[in-house]
N, C-alpha and C. Protein backbone atom coordinates (compact mmCIF):
# COMPACT_ATOMS: atom_id res chain seq x y z
N MET A 1 354.08 216.36 53.73
CA MET A 1 353.61 215.06 52.99
C MET A 1 351.78 214.63 52.99
N SER A 2 351.57 214.99 52.01
CA SER A 2 349.91 215.76 51.53
C SER A 2 348.85 214.24 51.25
N THR A 3 348.23 213.53 51.53
CA THR A 3 347.67 212.53 51.53
C THR A 3 345.93 213.06 51.61
N ASP A 4 345.22 212.47 50.39
CA ASP A 4 343.59 212.36 50.75
C ASP A 4 342.85 212.45 51.40
N THR A 5 343.11 211.54 52.36
CA THR A 5 342.89 210.62 53.65
C THR A 5 342.90 210.98 54.96
N ALA A 6 342.35 211.21 55.78
CA ALA A 6 342.55 211.58 57.40
C ALA A 6 343.54 210.85 57.93
N THR A 7 344.92 210.89 58.55
CA THR A 7 345.37 210.04 59.00
C THR A 7 344.29 209.74 60.35
N PRO A 8 344.55 208.34 60.63
CA PRO A 8 344.22 208.75 62.67
C PRO A 8 344.98 209.31 63.11
N PRO A 9 344.78 209.43 64.27
CA PRO A 9 344.95 209.49 65.29
C PRO A 9 345.70 208.19 66.28
N ILE A 10 347.62 208.32 66.42
CA ILE A 10 347.81 207.75 67.32
C ILE A 10 347.17 207.49 69.04
N PRO A 11 346.39 206.10 69.09
CA PRO A 11 346.34 206.18 70.12
C PRO A 11 347.87 206.16 71.57
N LEU A 12 347.28 206.49 72.28
CA LEU A 12 348.38 206.61 73.59
C LEU A 12 347.79 206.66 74.60
N PRO A 13 348.69 206.38 75.54
CA PRO A 13 348.37 205.97 77.14
C PRO A 13 348.02 207.56 78.01
N LEU A 14 347.18 207.79 78.51
CA LEU A 14 347.08 209.08 79.76
C LEU A 14 347.63 209.29 79.54
N SER A 15 349.28 208.59 80.61
CA SER A 15 350.36 208.87 81.24
C SER A 15 350.51 209.80 79.88
N LEU A 16 351.35 209.35 79.19
CA LEU A 16 352.38 209.35 77.65
C LEU A 16 351.97 210.83 77.71
N LYS A 17 350.49 211.11 77.50
CA LYS A 17 350.28 212.66 77.22
C LYS A 17 349.91 213.46 78.38
N ARG A 18 350.03 213.25 79.44
CA ARG A 18 350.28 214.28 80.47
C ARG A 18 351.59 214.25 80.26
N LEU A 19 352.53 213.54 79.74
CA LEU A 19 353.97 213.95 80.05
C LEU A 19 353.97 215.05 79.07
N VAL A 20 353.26 214.66 78.30
CA VAL A 20 353.62 215.70 76.87
C VAL A 20 353.31 217.12 77.50
N VAL A 21 352.14 217.20 77.87
CA VAL A 21 351.41 218.40 78.01
C VAL A 21 352.17 219.18 78.65
N ASP A 22 352.43 217.95 79.99
CA ASP A 22 353.44 218.60 81.43
C ASP A 22 354.83 219.93 80.48
N LEU A 23 355.34 219.52 78.93
CA LEU A 23 356.09 219.92 79.13
C LEU A 23 356.05 221.17 78.11
N PHE A 24 354.71 222.10 78.24
CA PHE A 24 354.37 223.07 77.90
C PHE A 24 353.84 224.21 79.00
N ASP A 25 353.54 225.32 78.97
CA ASP A 25 353.15 226.02 80.07
C ASP A 25 351.98 226.50 78.95
N ALA A 26 350.44 226.87 80.05
CA ALA A 26 349.50 226.93 79.82
C ALA A 26 349.86 227.87 78.06
N GLU A 27 350.65 229.02 77.81
CA GLU A 27 350.10 230.07 76.68
C GLU A 27 350.53 229.34 75.62
N ALA A 28 351.58 227.53 76.05
CA ALA A 28 352.09 227.63 74.34
C ALA A 28 351.09 226.12 74.21
N LEU A 29 350.19 225.94 75.11
CA LEU A 29 349.02 224.98 75.04
C LEU A 29 347.97 226.17 73.64
N ARG A 30 347.60 226.69 73.77
CA ARG A 30 346.41 227.58 73.96
C ARG A 30 347.24 228.42 72.30
N HIS A 31 348.28 227.72 72.38
CA HIS A 31 348.93 228.63 70.89
C HIS A 31 348.87 227.16 69.94
N LEU A 32 348.81 226.24 70.65
CA LEU A 32 349.08 224.49 69.96
C LEU A 32 347.39 224.51 68.90
N ALA A 33 346.91 224.43 70.05
CA ALA A 33 345.34 224.32 69.89
C ALA A 33 345.19 225.55 69.17
N SER A 34 345.38 226.49 69.07
CA SER A 34 345.03 227.56 67.47
C SER A 34 345.20 226.84 66.85
N LEU A 35 346.43 226.41 66.69
CA LEU A 35 347.51 226.22 65.04
C LEU A 35 346.42 224.84 65.14
N LYS A 36 346.05 224.03 65.76
CA LYS A 36 345.32 222.87 65.82
C LYS A 36 344.42 223.03 65.06
N GLU A 37 343.42 224.40 65.28
CA GLU A 37 341.87 224.87 64.68
C GLU A 37 342.33 225.27 63.34
N SER A 38 343.73 226.19 63.16
CA SER A 38 343.86 226.28 61.88
C SER A 38 343.66 225.53 60.99
N GLN A 39 344.90 224.63 61.16
CA GLN A 39 344.53 223.98 60.46
C GLN A 39 343.71 222.84 60.13
N THR A 40 342.74 223.06 60.34
CA THR A 40 341.14 222.22 60.59
C THR A 40 340.57 222.89 58.89
N ARG A 41 340.97 224.24 59.64
CA ARG A 41 340.53 225.29 58.80
C ARG A 41 340.44 225.43 57.46
N ALA A 42 341.87 225.26 57.24
CA ALA A 42 342.73 225.19 56.13
C ALA A 42 343.39 223.67 55.41
N ASN A 43 342.13 223.66 55.29
CA ASN A 43 342.05 222.31 53.87
C ASN A 43 342.96 221.59 54.83
N HIS A 44 342.87 221.14 56.15
CA HIS A 44 344.12 219.46 55.97
C HIS A 44 345.12 219.91 55.98
N ARG A 45 345.91 221.21 55.64
CA ARG A 45 347.51 220.80 55.13
C ARG A 45 348.38 220.21 55.84
N GLN A 46 348.92 219.20 55.40
CA GLN A 46 350.15 218.16 56.53
C GLN A 46 351.20 219.61 56.16
N LEU A 47 351.96 218.41 57.15
CA LEU A 47 353.64 218.65 57.40
C LEU A 47 353.98 217.83 56.49
N ASP A 48 355.42 217.49 56.10
CA ASP A 48 356.45 216.97 55.95
C ASP A 48 356.73 215.77 57.33
N ASP A 49 357.62 215.14 57.15
CA ASP A 49 358.38 214.47 58.23
C ASP A 49 358.98 215.65 59.27
N ALA A 50 360.22 216.31 57.97
CA ALA A 50 361.33 217.34 58.55
C ALA A 50 360.73 218.12 59.05
N SER A 51 359.30 218.62 58.69
CA SER A 51 359.06 219.64 59.02
C SER A 51 357.93 219.35 60.59
N VAL A 52 357.72 218.52 60.76
CA VAL A 52 356.89 218.36 61.79
C VAL A 52 358.31 218.43 63.19
N ASP A 53 359.78 217.24 62.85
CA ASP A 53 360.38 217.35 63.81
C ASP A 53 361.01 218.78 64.06
N GLU A 54 360.86 220.01 63.04
CA GLU A 54 361.65 221.26 63.17
C GLU A 54 360.23 222.23 63.60
N LEU A 55 359.42 222.14 63.86
CA LEU A 55 358.24 222.68 64.62
C LEU A 55 358.44 222.76 65.88
N ALA A 56 358.54 220.50 66.08
CA ALA A 56 358.60 219.79 67.76
C ALA A 56 360.23 220.72 68.18
N GLU A 57 360.75 220.99 68.02
CA GLU A 57 362.46 221.31 68.08
C GLU A 57 361.42 223.17 67.93
N MET A 58 361.12 223.91 67.60
CA MET A 58 361.03 225.13 67.50
C MET A 58 359.74 225.50 69.38
N LEU A 59 358.61 224.54 69.28
CA LEU A 59 358.49 224.92 70.04
C LEU A 59 358.52 224.49 71.59
N THR A 60 359.72 223.11 71.67
CA THR A 60 360.21 222.98 72.79
C THR A 60 361.19 223.98 73.07
N ASN A 61 361.66 224.43 72.28
CA ASN A 61 363.07 225.65 72.45
C ASN A 61 361.46 227.16 72.59
N ASN A 62 360.35 226.86 72.66
CA ASN A 62 359.75 228.86 73.03
C ASN A 62 360.07 229.07 72.12
N ARG A 63 359.86 228.83 70.88
CA ARG A 63 360.14 229.69 69.89
C ARG A 63 358.12 229.85 68.83
N TRP A 64 358.22 230.28 68.41
CA TRP A 64 356.64 230.34 67.50
C TRP A 64 356.98 229.89 66.28
N PRO A 65 356.43 229.33 65.30
CA PRO A 65 356.23 229.35 63.88
C PRO A 65 355.74 230.51 63.62
N THR A 66 356.52 231.23 62.31
CA THR A 66 355.69 232.44 61.89
C THR A 66 355.03 232.12 60.71
N ILE A 67 354.07 232.95 60.28
CA ILE A 67 353.14 233.09 59.13
C ILE A 67 354.12 232.22 57.45
N GLY A 68 355.28 233.09 57.65
CA GLY A 68 355.94 232.43 56.69
C GLY A 68 356.84 231.29 56.59
N TRP A 69 356.59 230.58 57.96
CA TRP A 69 357.15 229.35 58.09
C TRP A 69 356.47 228.75 57.62
N TRP A 70 354.83 228.74 57.72
CA TRP A 70 353.51 228.26 58.41
C TRP A 70 353.68 227.68 56.19
N LYS A 71 353.89 228.80 55.38
CA LYS A 71 353.70 228.87 54.33
C LYS A 71 354.52 228.27 53.19
N ARG A 72 355.54 227.76 54.23
CA ARG A 72 356.52 227.35 53.18
C ARG A 72 356.92 225.95 53.83
N HIS A 73 356.17 225.61 55.20
CA HIS A 73 355.98 224.32 54.96
C HIS A 73 354.98 223.64 54.66
N ALA A 74 353.64 224.20 54.71
CA ALA A 74 352.57 223.62 55.19
C ALA A 74 352.67 223.47 53.22
N SER A 75 351.44 221.75 52.94
CA SER A 75 351.16 221.73 51.32
C SER A 75 350.27 221.61 51.47
């Protein structure tokens, strides 16, 4: 889903943020940070809800999206 305006982040309690971070190892967090930086540089491409779910499932199963996956899912 693409929008012309940036969606503000959802405020989460620190304890919940820590819980989510603890789900990933340092390598996965670095990869996520890299993706976030790439996303910012790529004109804020956004994923639809189904793609976000697919990406979350992929990352929690220690799988990484390929460039092809991003090209198919980022709008």
